[in-house]
Amino acid sequence: FRTWMRSLFALLLIVSSTQSFAQTTLATTLLNNNGSSIVIGTLYNANASPIIINSIYCAPGSTTTQTFQLWTKPIAGFNLGAPGAVSVVNGWTLQASNTLATTAQTTQTGTACQQVMSGLNVSLAPGYYRFCIAATSIRYSTIGVQACSFTAGGVTLNYCASNGYGGTLASPTNTPRGLVGAITFSASTPCSGVPAPGNTVSS
């Protein structure tokens, strides 16, 4: 019985270890110089497997309690132009939302911004997506001559012309605009092979 229990414990360790992956942080270096209520970019997952979005950082535009939302929409590539309204009718999916108290941040960038969503389990298969973060009041960047595309761990966030937009859910027409903040994500590689279960013996 003890040998069987040890074998079962070893099997559980193998399974859990194959499903635990390190997180990658993808932060922008954009200036915190403007704001509205949403910021949209193009996310490209160039990996062979899905990724899991774990958390989101951004710069709130006001000190209040507000709800942050993450919306995505599969698309065909970069540089597709104006996204239109962010809504289910327009092909978007509301992936997550979180209500929390925020502190206005008018100078912070990257991971120095407030973590507004955590513990997420948003799976994105390989490919291109419109990637929208929405709130009542959110800071973003008017791009100008800044670098506007950021890559880490096989994932690119692009806020360049024809990719980065700001404004409201109904009218995201300000462009080019970019996220002041960061996302974290982890790999979602499927298990492969068959673990050896060991021998079942009596004791």
Foldseek 3Di string as FASTA:
>chain_A
DVVLVVLVVVVVVVVVVVQDFDKDKWWDPFWQAFKAFKKKFKKAQQDQWKKWWFWWFFFFAAFAKKKKWKKKAADADALQADQAAADVVSRIDTQDMAIDGHHGDRGAFAAVGDTGDGRGGDIDTGHMMIIMMGMRMGTKHACPPHDAWTDDPRMIIGQAPSGMFDHHNRDGDDPSIGTRYIIMITGRDDDDDDDDSDDDDDD
